Amino acid sequence: MNITENLAHSKLNDNGLLRRLFKGIAEAHEFSYKVIADDIRSTNHSISETTVGKFYRGESKLTLGNKLAVQKWVGKFIDEWKKDGQSVTILVKLDTTKSTK
């Protein structure tokens, strides 16, 4: 399933997708956990480097407040890509083992 830039922000509620985007951005820019936490804190939200690291590694879920802050941080990059005219296509792997009945 492809998600275009028009839907990218609305799809950030999916924890798996949010984590993949978060991790991809961090790796592409070679951001440390401290840099990410500092950047998120600059938006008046408190988040620790430990929380950032655990979410990055998939060791824990985010609290609602932290999830909203991370969504905003990831959304900032999506907005920058759109502003630069870059295509934003996100590939989502579907889990076919789960029944939708």
PDB file of N, CA and C in Angstrom:
ATOM      1  N   MET A   1       0.848  -1.165   0.000  1.00  0.00           N
ATOM      2  CA  MET A   1       0.000   0.000   0.000  1.00  0.00           C
ATOM      3  C   MET A   1       0.893   1.227   0.000  1.00  0.00           C
ATOM      4  N   ASN A   2       0.640   2.189  -0.856  1.00  0.00           N
ATOM      5  CA  ASN A   2       1.382   3.438  -0.887  1.00  0.00           C
ATOM      6  C   ASN A   2       0.567   4.534  -0.232  1.00  0.00           C
ATOM      7  N   ILE A   3       1.241   5.397   0.472  1.00  0.00           N
ATOM      8  CA  ILE A   3       0.591   6.538   1.094  1.00  0.00           C
ATOM      9  C   ILE A   3       1.219   7.781   0.490  1.00  0.00           C
ATOM     10  N   THR A   4       0.437   8.616  -0.161  1.00  0.00           N
ATOM     11  CA  THR A   4       0.983   9.831  -0.755  1.00  0.00           C
ATOM     12  C   THR A   4       1.149  10.894   0.312  1.00  0.00           C
ATOM     13  N   GLU A   5       1.827  11.995  -0.058  1.00  0.00           N
ATOM     14  CA  GLU A   5       2.066  13.049   0.919  1.00  0.00           C
ATOM     15  C   GLU A   5       0.781  13.644   1.469  1.00  0.00           C
ATOM     16  N   ASN A   6      -0.313  13.595   0.710  1.00  0.00           N
ATOM     17  CA  ASN A   6      -1.581  14.131   1.190  1.00  0.00           C
ATOM     18  C   ASN A   6      -2.118  13.343   2.374  1.00  0.00           C
ATOM     19  N   LEU A   7      -1.784  12.071   2.464  1.00  0.00           N
ATOM     20  CA  LEU A   7      -2.279  11.229   3.544  1.00  0.00           C
ATOM     21  C   LEU A   7      -1.229  10.950   4.608  1.00  0.00           C
ATOM     22  N   ALA A   8      -0.007  11.361   4.370  1.00  0.00           N
ATOM     23  CA  ALA A   8       1.096  10.984   5.255  1.00  0.00           C
ATOM     24  C   ALA A   8       0.852  11.409   6.693  1.00  0.00           C
ATOM     25  N   HIS A   9       0.411  12.645   6.911  1.00  0.00           N
ATOM     26  CA  HIS A   9       0.187  13.109   8.280  1.00  0.00           C
ATOM     27  C   HIS A   9      -0.898  12.294   8.977  1.00  0.00           C
ATOM     28  N   SER A  10      -1.972  11.982   8.276  1.00  0.00           N
ATOM     29  CA  SER A  10      -3.067  11.245   8.906  1.00  0.00           C
ATOM     30  C   SER A  10      -2.674   9.818   9.249  1.00  0.00           C
ATOM     31  N   LYS A  11      -1.686   9.258   8.588  1.00  0.00           N
ATOM     32  CA  LYS A  11      -1.261   7.884   8.840  1.00  0.00           C
ATOM     33  C   LYS A  11      -0.265   7.780   9.994  1.00  0.00           C
ATOM     34  N   LEU A  12       0.132   8.907  10.584  1.00  0.00           N
ATOM     35  CA  LEU A  12       1.115   8.875  11.661  1.00  0.00           C
ATOM     36  C   LEU A  12       0.540   8.334  12.967  1.00  0.00           C
ATOM     37  N   ASN A  13      -0.756   8.028  13.005  1.00  0.00           N
ATOM     38  CA  ASN A  13      -1.337   7.415  14.197  1.00  0.00           C
ATOM     39  C   ASN A  13      -0.938   5.953  14.328  1.00  0.00           C
ATOM     40  N   ASP A  14      -0.511   5.335  13.250  1.00  0.00           N
ATOM     41  CA  ASP A  14      -0.074   3.945  13.262  1.00  0.00           C
ATOM     42  C   ASP A  14       1.308   3.882  13.915  1.00  0.00           C
ATOM     43  N   ASN A  15       1.401   3.199  15.062  1.00  0.00           N
ATOM     44  CA  ASN A  15       2.666   3.152  15.806  1.00  0.00           C
ATOM     45  C   ASN A  15       3.815   2.567  15.001  1.00  0.00           C
ATOM     46  N   GLY A  16       3.548   1.496  14.252  1.00  0.00           N
ATOM     47  CA  GLY A  16       4.606   0.875  13.459  1.00  0.00           C
ATOM     48  C   GLY A  16       5.125   1.799  12.380  1.00  0.00           C
ATOM     49  N   LEU A  17       4.217   2.459  11.689  1.00  0.00           N
ATOM     50  CA  LEU A  17       4.609   3.399  10.643  1.00  0.00           C
ATOM     51  C   LEU A  17       5.355   4.579  11.242  1.00  0.00           C
ATOM     52  N   LEU A  18       4.858   5.100  12.357  1.00  0.00           N
ATOM     53  CA  LEU A  18       5.523   6.226  13.011  1.00  0.00           C
ATOM     54  C   LEU A  18       6.947   5.845  13.393  1.00  0.00           C
ATOM     55  N   ARG A  19       7.127   4.652  13.950  1.00  0.00           N
ATOM     56  CA  ARG A  19       8.467   4.207  14.351  1.00  0.00           C
ATOM     57  C   ARG A  19       9.389   4.069  13.136  1.00  0.00           C
ATOM     58  N   ARG A  20       8.871   3.498  12.033  1.00  0.00           N
ATOM     59  CA  ARG A  20       9.702   3.338  10.825  1.00  0.00           C
ATOM     60  C   ARG A  20      10.115   4.695  10.260  1.00  0.00           C
ATOM     61  N   LEU A  21       9.194   5.632  10.209  1.00  0.00           N
ATOM     62  CA  LEU A  21       9.530   6.972   9.716  1.00  0.00           C
ATOM     63  C   LEU A  21      10.535   7.645  10.641  1.00  0.00           C
ATOM     64  N   PHE A  22      10.276   7.563  11.937  1.00  0.00           N
ATOM     65  CA  PHE A  22      11.146   8.148  12.948  1.00  0.00           C
ATOM     66  C   PHE A  22      12.564   7.599  12.813  1.00  0.00           C
ATOM     67  N   LYS A  23      12.657   6.283  12.728  1.00  0.00           N
ATOM     68  CA  LYS A  23      13.958   5.623  12.616  1.00  0.00           C
ATOM     69  C   LYS A  23      14.639   5.985  11.291  1.00  0.00           C
ATOM     70  N   GLY A  24      13.878   6.006  10.208  1.00  0.00           N
ATOM     71  CA  GLY A  24      14.438   6.353   8.903  1.00  0.00           C
ATOM     72  C   GLY A  24      14.995   7.762   8.862  1.00  0.00           C
ATOM     73  N   ILE A  25      14.260   8.705   9.451  1.00  0.00           N
ATOM     74  CA  ILE A  25      14.721  10.097   9.496  1.00  0.00           C
ATOM     75  C   ILE A  25      15.981  10.191  10.347  1.00  0.00           C
ATOM     76  N   ALA A  26      15.965   9.548  11.512  1.00  0.00           N
ATOM     77  CA  ALA A  26      17.126   9.586  12.403  1.00  0.00           C
ATOM     78  C   ALA A  26      18.364   9.011  11.726  1.00  0.00           C
ATOM     79  N   GLU A  27      18.200   7.892  11.031  1.00  0.00           N
ATOM     80  CA  GLU A  27      19.343   7.264  10.355  1.00  0.00           C
ATOM     81  C   GLU A  27      19.814   8.081   9.160  1.00  0.00           C
ATOM     82  N   ALA A  28      18.880   8.600   8.374  1.00  0.00           N
ATOM     83  CA  ALA A  28      19.250   9.369   7.181  1.00  0.00           C
ATOM     84  C   ALA A  28      20.035  10.625   7.542  1.00  0.00           C
ATOM     85  N   HIS A  29      19.677  11.236   8.656  1.00  0.00           N
ATOM     86  CA  HIS A  29      20.348  12.469   9.080  1.00  0.00           C
ATOM     87  C   HIS A  29      21.434  12.213  10.120  1.00  0.00           C
ATOM     88  N   GLU A  30      21.596  10.947  10.500  1.00  0.00           N
ATOM     89  CA  GLU A  30      22.575  10.554  11.511  1.00  0.00           C
ATOM     90  C   GLU A  30      22.384  11.331  12.813  1.00  0.00           C
ATOM     91  N   PHE A  31      21.104  11.482  13.218  1.00  0.00           N
ATOM     92  CA  PHE A  31      20.778  12.166  14.463  1.00  0.00           C
ATOM     93  C   PHE A  31      21.028  11.240  15.645  1.00  0.00           C
ATOM     94  N   SER A  32      21.601  11.790  16.706  1.00  0.00           N
ATOM     95  CA  SER A  32      21.724  11.039  17.958  1.00  0.00           C
ATOM     96  C   SER A  32      20.412  11.178  18.725  1.00  0.00           C
ATOM     97  N   TYR A  33      20.223  10.323  19.731  1.00  0.00           N
ATOM     98  CA  TYR A  33      19.018  10.426  20.557  1.00  0.00           C
ATOM     99  C   TYR A  33      18.955  11.803  21.218  1.00  0.00           C
ATOM    100  N   LYS A  34      20.120  12.326  21.615  1.00  0.00           N
ATOM    101  CA  LYS A  34      20.166  13.636  22.267  1.00  0.00           C
ATOM    102  C   LYS A  34      19.703  14.729  21.314  1.00  0.00           C
ATOM    103  N   VAL A  35      20.172  14.699  20.079  1.00  0.00           N
ATOM    104  CA  VAL A  35      19.779  15.712  19.092  1.00  0.00           C
ATOM    105  C   VAL A  35      18.271  15.671  18.866  1.00  0.00           C
ATOM    106  N   ILE A  36      17.716  14.471  18.748  1.00  0.00           N
ATOM    107  CA  ILE A  36      16.273  14.339  18.535  1.00  0.00           C
ATOM    108  C   ILE A  36      15.515  14.861  19.748  1.00  0.00           C
ATOM    109  N   ALA A  37      15.927  14.441  20.946  1.00  0.00           N
ATOM    110  CA  ALA A  37      15.247  14.892  22.167  1.00  0.00           C
ATOM    111  C   ALA A  37      15.334  16.408  22.303  1.00  0.00           C
ATOM    112  N   ASP A  38      16.500  16.987  22.025  1.00  0.00           N
ATOM    113  CA  ASP A  38      16.657  18.444  22.097  1.00  0.00           C
ATOM    114  C   ASP A  38      15.758  19.148  21.092  1.00  0.00           C
ATOM    115  N   ASP A  39      15.664  18.605  19.886  1.00  0.00           N
ATOM    116  CA  ASP A  39      14.822  19.210  18.855  1.00  0.00           C
ATOM    117  C   ASP A  39      13.350  19.151  19.266  1.00  0.00           C
ATOM    118  N   ILE A  40      12.920  18.022  19.798  1.00  0.00           N
ATOM    119  CA  ILE A  40      11.533  17.898  20.256  1.00  0.00           C
ATOM    120  C   ILE A  40      11.292  18.815  21.451  1.00  0.00           C
ATOM    121  N   ARG A  41      12.264  18.919  22.363  1.00  0.00           N
ATOM    122  CA  ARG A  41      12.120  19.812  23.522  1.00  0.00           C
ATOM    123  C   ARG A  41      12.026  21.270  23.094  1.00  0.00           C
ATOM    124  N   SER A  42      12.598  21.619  21.950  1.00  0.00           N
ATOM    125  CA  SER A  42      12.530  23.008  21.479  1.00  0.00           C
ATOM    126  C   SER A  42      11.104  23.421  21.129  1.00  0.00           C
ATOM    127  N   THR A  43      10.203  22.449  21.025  1.00  0.00           N
ATOM    128  CA  THR A  43       8.795  22.748  20.752  1.00  0.00           C
ATOM    129  C   THR A  43       7.985  22.761  22.046  1.00  0.00           C
ATOM    130  N   ASN A  44       8.676  22.973  23.171  1.00  0.00           N
ATOM    131  CA  ASN A  44       8.052  23.053  24.495  1.00  0.00           C
ATOM    132  C   ASN A  44       7.440  21.737  24.947  1.00  0.00           C
ATOM    133  N   HIS A  45       8.019  20.631  24.527  1.00  0.00           N
ATOM    134  CA  HIS A  45       7.571  19.324  24.995  1.00  0.00           C
ATOM    135  C   HIS A  45       8.757  18.624  25.642  1.00  0.00           C
ATOM    136  N   SER A  46       8.523  18.048  26.783  1.00  0.00           N
ATOM    137  CA  SER A  46       9.590  17.360  27.505  1.00  0.00           C
ATOM    138  C   SER A  46       9.635  15.895  27.093  1.00  0.00           C
ATOM    139  N   ILE A  47      10.774  15.467  26.580  1.00  0.00           N
ATOM    140  CA  ILE A  47      10.990  14.060  26.232  1.00  0.00           C
ATOM    141  C   ILE A  47      12.457  13.756  26.513  1.00  0.00           C
ATOM    142  N   SER A  48      12.731  12.593  27.029  1.00  0.00           N
ATOM    143  CA  SER A  48      14.108  12.255  27.396  1.00  0.00           C
ATOM    144  C   SER A  48      14.813  11.495  26.277  1.00  0.00           C
ATOM    145  N   GLU A  49      16.141  11.531  26.348  1.00  0.00           N
ATOM    146  CA  GLU A  49      16.941  10.747  25.402  1.00  0.00           C
ATOM    147  C   GLU A  49      16.640   9.261  25.561  1.00  0.00           C
ATOM    148  N   THR A  50      16.401   8.829  26.797  1.00  0.00           N
ATOM    149  CA  THR A  50      16.088   7.422  27.062  1.00  0.00           C
ATOM    150  C   THR A  50      14.801   7.017  26.356  1.00  0.00           C
ATOM    151  N   THR A  51      13.780   7.865  26.435  1.00  0.00           N
ATOM    152  CA  THR A  51      12.505   7.582  25.770  1.00  0.00           C
ATOM    153  C   THR A  51      12.696   7.511  24.265  1.00  0.00           C
ATOM    154  N   VAL A  52      13.461   8.449  23.717  1.00  0.00           N
ATOM    155  CA  VAL A  52      13.740   8.466  22.282  1.00  0.00           C
ATOM    156  C   VAL A  52      14.440   7.170  21.877  1.00  0.00           C
ATOM    157  N   GLY A  53      15.448   6.774  22.637  1.00  0.00           N
ATOM    158  CA  GLY A  53      16.197   5.557  22.327  1.00  0.00           C
ATOM    159  C   GLY A  53      15.352   4.299  22.399  1.00  0.00           C
ATOM    160  N   LYS A  54      14.519   4.206  23.430  1.00  0.00           N
ATOM    161  CA  LYS A  54      13.660   3.023  23.570  1.00  0.00           C
ATOM    162  C   LYS A  54      12.647   2.938  22.437  1.00  0.00           C
ATOM    163  N   PHE A  55      12.088   4.073  22.038  1.00  0.00           N
ATOM    164  CA  PHE A  55      11.134   4.068  20.925  1.00  0.00           C
ATOM    165  C   PHE A  55      11.854   3.699  19.629  1.00  0.00           C
ATOM    166  N   TYR A  56      13.032   4.257  19.410  1.00  0.00           N
ATOM    167  CA  TYR A  56      13.833   3.972  18.218  1.00  0.00           C
ATOM    168  C   TYR A  56      14.103   2.473  18.091  1.00  0.00           C
ATOM    169  N   ARG A  57      14.453   1.851  19.198  1.00  0.00           N
ATOM    170  CA  ARG A  57      14.792   0.425  19.193  1.00  0.00           C
ATOM    171  C   ARG A  57      13.563  -0.480  19.297  1.00  0.00           C
ATOM    172  N   GLY A  58      12.386   0.099  19.445  1.00  0.00           N
ATOM    173  CA  GLY A  58      11.157  -0.688  19.545  1.00  0.00           C
ATOM    174  C   GLY A  58      10.984  -1.359  20.892  1.00  0.00           C
ATOM    175  N   GLU A  59      11.639  -0.829  21.916  1.00  0.00           N
ATOM    176  CA  GLU A  59      11.580  -1.435  23.245  1.00  0.00           C
ATOM    177  C   GLU A  59      10.389  -0.961  24.063  1.00  0.00           C
ATOM    178  N   SER A  60       9.773   0.139  23.663  1.00  0.00           N
ATOM    179  CA  SER A  60       8.620   0.634  24.411  1.00  0.00           C
ATOM    180  C   SER A  60       7.740   1.493  23.517  1.00  0.00           C
ATOM    181  N   LYS A  61       6.492   1.609  23.935  1.00  0.00           N
ATOM    182  CA  LYS A  61       5.560   2.499  23.257  1.00  0.00           C
ATOM    183  C   LYS A  61       5.669   3.874  23.894  1.00  0.00           C
ATOM    184  N   LEU A  62       5.175   4.872  23.200  1.00  0.00           N
ATOM    185  CA  LEU A  62       5.204   6.232  23.711  1.00  0.00           C
ATOM    186  C   LEU A  62       3.922   6.548  24.467  1.00  0.00           C
ATOM    187  N   THR A  63       4.037   7.407  25.476  1.00  0.00           N
ATOM    188  CA  THR A  63       2.837   7.943  26.107  1.00  0.00           C
ATOM    189  C   THR A  63       2.136   8.811  25.073  1.00  0.00           C
ATOM    190  N   LEU A  64       0.889   9.139  25.311  1.00  0.00           N
ATOM    191  CA  LEU A  64       0.144   9.944  24.345  1.00  0.00           C
ATOM    192  C   LEU A  64       0.843  11.273  24.069  1.00  0.00           C
ATOM    193  N   GLY A  65       1.308  11.940  25.118  1.00  0.00           N
ATOM    194  CA  GLY A  65       1.990  13.223  24.934  1.00  0.00           C
ATOM    195  C   GLY A  65       3.259  13.096  24.117  1.00  0.00           C
ATOM    196  N   ASN A  66       4.055  12.069  24.414  1.00  0.00           N
ATOM    197  CA  ASN A  66       5.287  11.850  23.655  1.00  0.00           C
ATOM    198  C   ASN A  66       4.987  11.445  22.217  1.00  0.00           C
ATOM    199  N   LYS A  67       3.933  10.648  22.025  1.00  0.00           N
ATOM    200  CA  LYS A  67       3.562  10.240  20.668  1.00  0.00           C
ATOM    201  C   LYS A  67       3.183  11.461  19.840  1.00  0.00           C
ATOM    202  N   LEU A  68       2.409  12.364  20.420  1.00  0.00           N
ATOM    203  CA  LEU A  68       2.021  13.581  19.698  1.00  0.00           C
ATOM    204  C   LEU A  68       3.246  14.420  19.344  1.00  0.00           C
ATOM    205  N   ALA A  69       4.208  14.492  20.270  1.00  0.00           N
ATOM    206  CA  ALA A  69       5.429  15.256  20.007  1.00  0.00           C
ATOM    207  C   ALA A  69       6.248  14.615  18.890  1.00  0.00           C
ATOM    208  N   VAL A  70       6.350  13.292  18.889  1.00  0.00           N
ATOM    209  CA  VAL A  70       7.100  12.589  17.838  1.00  0.00           C
ATOM    210  C   VAL A  70       6.372  12.719  16.501  1.00  0.00           C
ATOM    211  N   GLN A  71       5.034  12.634  16.513  1.00  0.00           N
ATOM    212  CA  GLN A  71       4.266  12.833  15.283  1.00  0.00           C
ATOM    213  C   GLN A  71       4.549  14.216  14.699  1.00  0.00           C
ATOM    214  N   LYS A  72       4.587  15.212  15.566  1.00  0.00           N
ATOM    215  CA  LYS A  72       4.866  16.581  15.113  1.00  0.00           C
ATOM    216  C   LYS A  72       6.281  16.667  14.537  1.00  0.00           C
ATOM    217  N   TRP A  73       7.236  16.011  15.185  1.00  0.00           N
ATOM    218  CA  TRP A  73       8.627  16.040  14.727  1.00  0.00           C
ATOM    219  C   TRP A  73       8.753  15.369  13.362  1.00  0.00           C
ATOM    220  N   VAL A  74       8.146  14.194  13.189  1.00  0.00           N
ATOM    221  CA  VAL A  74       8.169  13.490  11.903  1.00  0.00           C
ATOM    222  C   VAL A  74       7.426  14.316  10.855  1.00  0.00           C
ATOM    223  N   GLY A  75       6.288  14.893  11.242  1.00  0.00           N
ATOM    224  CA  GLY A  75       5.499  15.716  10.326  1.00  0.00           C
ATOM    225  C   GLY A  75       6.273  16.904   9.790  1.00  0.00           C
ATOM    226  N   LYS A  76       7.170  17.434  10.614  1.00  0.00           N
ATOM    227  CA  LYS A  76       8.009  18.557  10.184  1.00  0.00           C
ATOM    228  C   LYS A  76       8.859  18.155   8.976  1.00  0.00           C
ATOM    229  N   PHE A  77       9.387  16.954   8.988  1.00  0.00           N
ATOM    230  CA  PHE A  77      10.197  16.479   7.864  1.00  0.00           C
ATOM    231  C   PHE A  77       9.337  16.235   6.633  1.00  0.00           C
ATOM    232  N   ILE A  78       8.141  15.689   6.825  1.00  0.00           N
ATOM    233  CA  ILE A  78       7.226  15.484   5.694  1.00  0.00           C
ATOM    234  C   ILE A  78       6.892  16.822   5.054  1.00  0.00           C
ATOM    235  N   ASP A  79       6.624  17.831   5.885  1.00  0.00           N
ATOM    236  CA  ASP A  79       6.321  19.166   5.359  1.00  0.00           C
ATOM    237  C   ASP A  79       7.505  19.747   4.593  1.00  0.00           C
ATOM    238  N   GLU A  80       8.722  19.532   5.106  1.00  0.00           N
ATOM    239  CA  GLU A  80       9.917  20.033   4.416  1.00  0.00           C
ATOM    240  C   GLU A  80      10.090  19.346   3.067  1.00  0.00           C
ATOM    241  N   TRP A  81       9.838  18.032   3.012  1.00  0.00           N
ATOM    242  CA  TRP A  81       9.955  17.310   1.742  1.00  0.00           C
ATOM    243  C   TRP A  81       8.949  17.844   0.743  1.00  0.00           C
ATOM    244  N   LYS A  82       7.735  18.085   1.204  1.00  0.00           N
ATOM    245  CA  LYS A  82       6.691  18.595   0.309  1.00  0.00           C
ATOM    246  C   LYS A  82       7.056  19.993  -0.185  1.00  0.00           C
ATOM    247  N   LYS A  83       7.580  20.820   0.724  1.00  0.00           N
ATOM    248  CA  LYS A  83       7.958  22.185   0.371  1.00  0.00           C
ATOM    249  C   LYS A  83       9.071  22.183  -0.676  1.00  0.00           C
ATOM    250  N   ASP A  84       9.977  21.232  -0.563  1.00  0.00           N
ATOM    251  CA  ASP A  84      11.084  21.115  -1.519  1.00  0.00           C
ATOM    252  C   ASP A  84      10.661  20.427  -2.809  1.00  0.00           C
ATOM    253  N   GLY A  85       9.382  20.049  -2.904  1.00  0.00           N
ATOM    254  CA  GLY A  85       8.877  19.407  -4.112  1.00  0.00           C
ATOM    255  C   GLY A  85       9.249  17.945  -4.222  1.00  0.00           C
ATOM    256  N   GLN A  86       9.717  17.364  -3.124  1.00  0.00           N
ATOM    257  CA  GLN A  86      10.083  15.953  -3.147  1.00  0.00           C
ATOM    258  C   GLN A  86       8.831  15.106  -2.976  1.00  0.00           C
ATOM    259  N   SER A  87       8.827  13.982  -3.606  1.00  0.00           N
ATOM    260  CA  SER A  87       7.716  13.048  -3.479  1.00  0.00           C
ATOM    261  C   SER A  87       7.822  12.320  -2.146  1.00  0.00           C
ATOM    262  N   VAL A  88       6.699  12.188  -1.473  1.00  0.00           N
ATOM    263  CA  VAL A  88       6.668  11.464  -0.212  1.00  0.00           C
ATOM    264  C   VAL A  88       5.809  10.227  -0.416  1.00  0.00           C
ATOM    265  N   THR A  89       6.451   9.099  -0.567  1.00  0.00           N
ATOM    266  CA  THR A  89       5.746   7.830  -0.692  1.00  0.00           C
ATOM    267  C   THR A  89       6.251   6.920   0.406  1.00  0.00           C
ATOM    268  N   ILE A  90       5.333   6.401   1.180  1.00  0.00           N
ATOM    269  CA  ILE A  90       5.680   5.559   2.304  1.00  0.00           C
ATOM    270  C   ILE A  90       5.139   4.170   2.020  1.00  0.00           C
ATOM    271  N   LEU A  91       6.014   3.181   2.067  1.00  0.00           N
ATOM    272  CA  LEU A  91       5.584   1.807   1.843  1.00  0.00           C
ATOM    273  C   LEU A  91       5.225   1.177   3.177  1.00  0.00           C
ATOM    274  N   VAL A  92       4.057   0.585   3.237  1.00  0.00           N
ATOM    275  CA  VAL A  92       3.583  -0.040   4.458  1.00  0.00           C
ATOM    276  C   VAL A  92       3.464  -1.536   4.221  1.00  0.00           C
ATOM    277  N   LYS A  93       4.129  -2.321   5.041  1.00  0.00           N
ATOM    278  CA  LYS A  93       4.043  -3.779   4.932  1.00  0.00           C
ATOM    279  C   LYS A  93       2.777  -4.233   5.658  1.00  0.00           C
ATOM    280  N   LEU A  94       1.940  -4.946   4.946  1.00  0.00           N
ATOM    281  CA  LEU A  94       0.704  -5.437   5.535  1.00  0.00           C
ATOM    282  C   LEU A  94       0.938  -6.784   6.193  1.00  0.00           C
ATOM    283  N   ASP A  95       0.363  -6.974   7.368  1.00  0.00           N
ATOM    284  CA  ASP A  95       0.452  -8.248   8.064  1.00  0.00           C
ATOM    285  C   ASP A  95      -0.715  -9.106   7.609  1.00  0.00           C
ATOM    286  N   THR A  96      -0.439 -10.088   6.769  1.00  0.00           N
ATOM    287  CA  THR A  96      -1.500 -10.922   6.208  1.00  0.00           C
ATOM    288  C   THR A  96      -1.887 -12.064   7.134  1.00  0.00           C
ATOM    289  N   THR A  97      -1.213 -12.186   8.278  1.00  0.00           N
ATOM    290  CA  THR A  97      -1.542 -13.267   9.203  1.00  0.00           C
ATOM    291  C   THR A  97      -2.723 -12.922  10.093  1.00  0.00           C
ATOM    292  N   LYS A  98      -3.083 -11.650  10.161  1.00  0.00           N
ATOM    293  CA  LYS A  98      -4.193 -11.230  11.010  1.00  0.00           C
ATOM    294  C   LYS A  98      -5.487 -11.256  10.216  1.00  0.00           C
ATOM    295  N   SER A  99      -6.502 -11.795  10.807  1.00  0.00           N
ATOM    296  CA  SER A  99      -7.810 -11.867  10.165  1.00  0.00           C
ATOM    297  C   SER A  99      -8.571 -10.573  10.399  1.00  0.00           C
ATOM    298  N   THR A 100      -9.340 -10.149   9.413  1.00  0.00           N
ATOM    299  CA  THR A 100     -10.150  -8.942   9.548  1.00  0.00           C
ATOM    300  C   THR A 100     -11.613  -9.289   9.776  1.00  0.00           C
ATOM    301  N   LYS A 101     -11.893 -10.539  10.114  1.00  0.00           N
ATOM    302  CA  LYS A 101     -13.282 -10.974  10.337  1.00  0.00           C
ATOM    303  C   LYS A 101     -13.821 -10.438  11.634  1.00  0.00           C
TER     304      LYS A 101
END
